[in-house]
N, C-alpha and C. Protein backbone atom coordinates (compact mmCIF):
# COMPACT_ATOMS: atom_id res chain seq x y z
N MET A 1 58.66 17.29 -33.36
CA MET A 1 57.69 16.75 -32.44
C MET A 1 57.55 17.71 -31.27
N THR A 2 56.32 18.00 -30.91
CA THR A 2 56.08 18.93 -29.81
C THR A 2 56.26 18.26 -28.45
N ILE A 3 56.40 19.07 -27.43
CA ILE A 3 56.51 18.53 -26.08
C ILE A 3 55.24 17.80 -25.67
N ASN A 4 54.08 18.29 -26.14
CA ASN A 4 52.82 17.61 -25.83
C ASN A 4 52.76 16.23 -26.47
N GLU A 5 53.29 16.10 -27.67
CA GLU A 5 53.34 14.80 -28.34
C GLU A 5 54.28 13.85 -27.58
N GLN A 6 55.40 14.38 -27.11
CA GLN A 6 56.33 13.56 -26.33
C GLN A 6 55.70 13.08 -25.03
N ILE A 7 54.99 13.98 -24.36
CA ILE A 7 54.31 13.61 -23.11
C ILE A 7 53.25 12.54 -23.38
N ALA A 8 52.49 12.71 -24.44
CA ALA A 8 51.46 11.72 -24.79
C ALA A 8 52.09 10.36 -25.08
N ALA A 9 53.23 10.35 -25.76
CA ALA A 9 53.90 9.09 -26.09
C ALA A 9 54.39 8.39 -24.83
N ILE A 10 54.93 9.14 -23.89
CA ILE A 10 55.39 8.54 -22.64
C ILE A 10 54.20 8.00 -21.85
N ARG A 11 53.12 8.72 -21.84
CA ARG A 11 51.92 8.24 -21.13
C ARG A 11 51.41 6.93 -21.75
N ARG A 12 51.41 6.86 -23.09
CA ARG A 12 50.99 5.63 -23.76
C ARG A 12 51.93 4.48 -23.39
N GLU A 13 53.22 4.75 -23.40
CA GLU A 13 54.21 3.73 -23.07
C GLU A 13 54.04 3.24 -21.63
N LEU A 14 53.79 4.16 -20.72
CA LEU A 14 53.56 3.77 -19.32
C LEU A 14 52.33 2.87 -19.21
N GLU A 15 51.26 3.25 -19.89
CA GLU A 15 50.04 2.44 -19.86
C GLU A 15 50.32 1.04 -20.41
N TYR A 16 51.05 0.99 -21.51
CA TYR A 16 51.42 -0.28 -22.15
C TYR A 16 52.21 -1.16 -21.17
N ARG A 17 53.22 -0.57 -20.53
CA ARG A 17 54.06 -1.33 -19.60
C ARG A 17 53.28 -1.78 -18.37
N ARG A 18 52.41 -0.93 -17.88
CA ARG A 18 51.62 -1.31 -16.70
C ARG A 18 50.68 -2.47 -17.00
N LYS A 19 50.25 -2.58 -18.25
CA LYS A 19 49.39 -3.69 -18.63
C LYS A 19 50.18 -4.97 -18.87
N LEU A 20 51.36 -4.85 -19.52
CA LEU A 20 52.13 -6.03 -19.90
C LEU A 20 53.03 -6.60 -18.81
N TYR A 21 53.63 -5.73 -18.02
CA TYR A 21 54.65 -6.19 -17.08
C TYR A 21 54.14 -7.22 -16.06
N PRO A 22 52.92 -7.07 -15.53
CA PRO A 22 52.48 -8.12 -14.59
C PRO A 22 52.51 -9.53 -15.20
N ARG A 23 52.09 -9.62 -16.43
CA ARG A 23 52.12 -10.94 -17.11
C ARG A 23 53.57 -11.37 -17.35
N TRP A 24 54.41 -10.44 -17.78
CA TRP A 24 55.81 -10.77 -18.03
C TRP A 24 56.51 -11.23 -16.76
N VAL A 25 56.19 -10.61 -15.64
CA VAL A 25 56.76 -11.03 -14.36
C VAL A 25 56.26 -12.44 -14.03
N GLU A 26 54.99 -12.66 -14.26
CA GLU A 26 54.39 -13.97 -13.99
C GLU A 26 55.07 -15.09 -14.77
N ILE A 27 55.38 -14.83 -16.05
CA ILE A 27 56.02 -15.87 -16.87
C ILE A 27 57.54 -15.78 -16.84
N LYS A 28 58.03 -14.92 -15.96
CA LYS A 28 59.47 -14.74 -15.72
C LYS A 28 60.24 -14.21 -16.92
N LYS A 29 59.55 -13.44 -17.73
CA LYS A 29 60.23 -12.76 -18.84
C LYS A 29 61.11 -11.63 -18.31
N ILE A 30 60.63 -10.97 -17.24
CA ILE A 30 61.42 -9.97 -16.51
C ILE A 30 61.14 -10.15 -15.02
N SER A 31 62.04 -9.64 -14.20
CA SER A 31 61.83 -9.72 -12.75
C SER A 31 60.93 -8.56 -12.31
N GLN A 32 60.34 -8.71 -11.15
CA GLN A 32 59.52 -7.63 -10.60
C GLN A 32 60.38 -6.39 -10.37
N LYS A 33 61.60 -6.61 -9.92
CA LYS A 33 62.52 -5.50 -9.68
C LYS A 33 62.79 -4.73 -10.98
N ASP A 34 63.04 -5.45 -12.07
CA ASP A 34 63.27 -4.79 -13.36
C ASP A 34 62.01 -4.08 -13.87
N ALA A 35 60.87 -4.70 -13.69
CA ALA A 35 59.61 -4.09 -14.12
C ALA A 35 59.37 -2.80 -13.35
N ASP A 36 59.56 -2.85 -12.05
CA ASP A 36 59.38 -1.65 -11.22
C ASP A 36 60.35 -0.55 -11.63
N TYR A 37 61.58 -0.94 -11.89
CA TYR A 37 62.61 0.04 -12.28
C TYR A 37 62.24 0.68 -13.62
N GLN A 38 61.84 -0.11 -14.60
CA GLN A 38 61.52 0.42 -15.93
C GLN A 38 60.31 1.36 -15.87
N ILE A 39 59.33 1.04 -15.07
CA ILE A 39 58.18 1.92 -14.91
C ILE A 39 58.61 3.21 -14.21
N GLU A 40 59.46 3.10 -13.20
CA GLU A 40 59.95 4.29 -12.50
C GLU A 40 60.73 5.19 -13.45
N VAL A 41 61.53 4.62 -14.31
CA VAL A 41 62.28 5.41 -15.29
C VAL A 41 61.32 6.19 -16.18
N MET A 42 60.29 5.52 -16.68
CA MET A 42 59.33 6.19 -17.56
C MET A 42 58.55 7.27 -16.80
N GLU A 43 58.21 7.01 -15.54
CA GLU A 43 57.52 8.02 -14.74
C GLU A 43 58.40 9.25 -14.53
N GLN A 44 59.69 9.03 -14.32
CA GLN A 44 60.62 10.15 -14.13
C GLN A 44 60.79 10.94 -15.43
N ILE A 45 60.82 10.23 -16.56
CA ILE A 45 60.90 10.92 -17.86
C ILE A 45 59.66 11.79 -18.04
N LEU A 46 58.50 11.24 -17.71
CA LEU A 46 57.25 12.00 -17.81
C LEU A 46 57.30 13.24 -16.93
N CYS A 47 57.75 13.08 -15.69
CA CYS A 47 57.87 14.23 -14.78
C CYS A 47 58.82 15.29 -15.34
N THR A 48 59.93 14.85 -15.91
CA THR A 48 60.89 15.79 -16.50
C THR A 48 60.26 16.55 -17.65
N LEU A 49 59.57 15.86 -18.53
CA LEU A 49 58.93 16.52 -19.66
C LEU A 49 57.86 17.51 -19.20
N ILE A 50 57.08 17.13 -18.21
CA ILE A 50 56.05 18.04 -17.70
C ILE A 50 56.70 19.27 -17.06
N THR A 51 57.80 19.07 -16.34
CA THR A 51 58.52 20.19 -15.74
C THR A 51 59.06 21.12 -16.82
N VAL A 52 59.62 20.55 -17.87
CA VAL A 52 60.14 21.36 -18.98
C VAL A 52 58.99 22.14 -19.62
N LYS A 53 57.88 21.47 -19.84
CA LYS A 53 56.72 22.15 -20.44
C LYS A 53 56.26 23.31 -19.55
N ASP A 54 56.15 23.05 -18.25
CA ASP A 54 55.73 24.11 -17.32
C ASP A 54 56.71 25.27 -17.32
N PHE A 55 58.00 24.96 -17.40
CA PHE A 55 59.02 26.01 -17.45
C PHE A 55 58.88 26.84 -18.72
N ILE A 56 58.69 26.16 -19.84
CA ILE A 56 58.54 26.86 -21.12
C ILE A 56 57.32 27.77 -21.08
N ILE A 57 56.22 27.25 -20.58
CA ILE A 57 55.00 28.07 -20.49
C ILE A 57 55.24 29.24 -19.57
N GLY A 58 55.85 29.01 -18.41
CA GLY A 58 56.14 30.07 -17.46
C GLY A 58 57.08 31.10 -18.03
N ALA A 59 58.11 30.64 -18.73
CA ALA A 59 59.08 31.56 -19.33
C ALA A 59 58.39 32.40 -20.40
N THR A 60 57.52 31.80 -21.16
CA THR A 60 56.81 32.52 -22.20
C THR A 60 55.93 33.61 -21.58
N VAL A 61 55.23 33.25 -20.51
CA VAL A 61 54.37 34.23 -19.85
C VAL A 61 55.22 35.36 -19.29
N ARG A 62 56.31 35.02 -18.62
CA ARG A 62 57.19 36.05 -18.05
C ARG A 62 57.77 36.93 -19.15
N ASP A 63 58.16 36.34 -20.26
CA ASP A 63 58.72 37.13 -21.36
C ASP A 63 57.68 38.09 -21.92
N GLU A 64 56.45 37.63 -22.06
CA GLU A 64 55.39 38.51 -22.56
C GLU A 64 55.15 39.67 -21.60
N GLU A 65 55.21 39.38 -20.30
CA GLU A 65 55.04 40.44 -19.31
C GLU A 65 56.18 41.45 -19.40
N LYS A 66 57.40 40.96 -19.59
CA LYS A 66 58.55 41.86 -19.73
C LYS A 66 58.42 42.72 -20.97
N ILE A 67 57.95 42.12 -22.05
CA ILE A 67 57.76 42.87 -23.30
C ILE A 67 56.74 43.98 -23.10
N LYS A 68 55.63 43.66 -22.44
CA LYS A 68 54.59 44.67 -22.19
C LYS A 68 55.13 45.82 -21.35
N LYS A 69 55.91 45.47 -20.30
CA LYS A 69 56.49 46.51 -19.45
C LYS A 69 57.47 47.37 -20.25
N ALA A 70 58.29 46.73 -21.06
CA ALA A 70 59.27 47.46 -21.87
C ALA A 70 58.57 48.39 -22.85
N GLU A 71 57.49 47.90 -23.46
CA GLU A 71 56.74 48.74 -24.40
C GLU A 71 56.18 49.98 -23.71
N LYS A 72 55.65 49.79 -22.51
CA LYS A 72 55.10 50.94 -21.77
C LYS A 72 56.19 51.98 -21.52
N VAL A 73 57.36 51.50 -21.11
CA VAL A 73 58.47 52.43 -20.84
C VAL A 73 58.89 53.13 -22.13
N GLN A 74 59.04 52.38 -23.21
CA GLN A 74 59.47 52.97 -24.48
C GLN A 74 58.47 54.00 -24.98
N PHE A 75 57.19 53.66 -24.93
CA PHE A 75 56.18 54.60 -25.41
C PHE A 75 56.12 55.84 -24.53
N SER A 76 56.32 55.65 -23.22
CA SER A 76 56.28 56.82 -22.33
C SER A 76 57.49 57.73 -22.56
N LEU A 77 58.62 57.16 -22.93
CA LEU A 77 59.81 57.96 -23.19
C LEU A 77 59.62 58.91 -24.37
N PHE A 78 58.87 58.43 -25.33
CA PHE A 78 58.67 59.21 -26.54
C PHE A 78 57.31 59.88 -26.58
N ASP A 79 56.57 59.75 -25.51
CA ASP A 79 55.25 60.38 -25.40
C ASP A 79 54.38 60.02 -26.60
N VAL A 80 54.36 58.72 -26.88
CA VAL A 80 53.60 58.22 -28.02
C VAL A 80 52.57 57.23 -27.48
N ASP A 81 51.36 57.27 -28.07
CA ASP A 81 50.34 56.31 -27.69
C ASP A 81 50.70 54.95 -28.29
N LYS A 82 50.40 53.92 -27.54
CA LYS A 82 50.66 52.56 -28.01
C LYS A 82 49.75 52.27 -29.19
N PRO A 83 50.32 51.69 -30.26
CA PRO A 83 49.48 51.37 -31.45
C PRO A 83 48.44 50.32 -31.16
C-alpha cells in the first residue's frame, strides 16, 4: 500500500468520524471528550503520514541532486562527455 493510499484512507476515516460522532455523542454512545480525542488521534496520524511523504519526496529530490553532482564530478575526472 502506498503512502498516498494510506493518507486517503485516513482522510476517509476522519470524514466518517466527523459525520458519525455528533450523533453518537447525542445518543451517548461515546462522550464528547472521547470523540474529540479520537478525531485528534486521526488528525495527528494524518499529519505524520503527510510529514513522512514530504520527507520521502524531499529526500528523493536531494538524492537526485547529489547523483547529478556526482556524475558531473566523475565525468570531469575522466574528461568524458555525459551520455
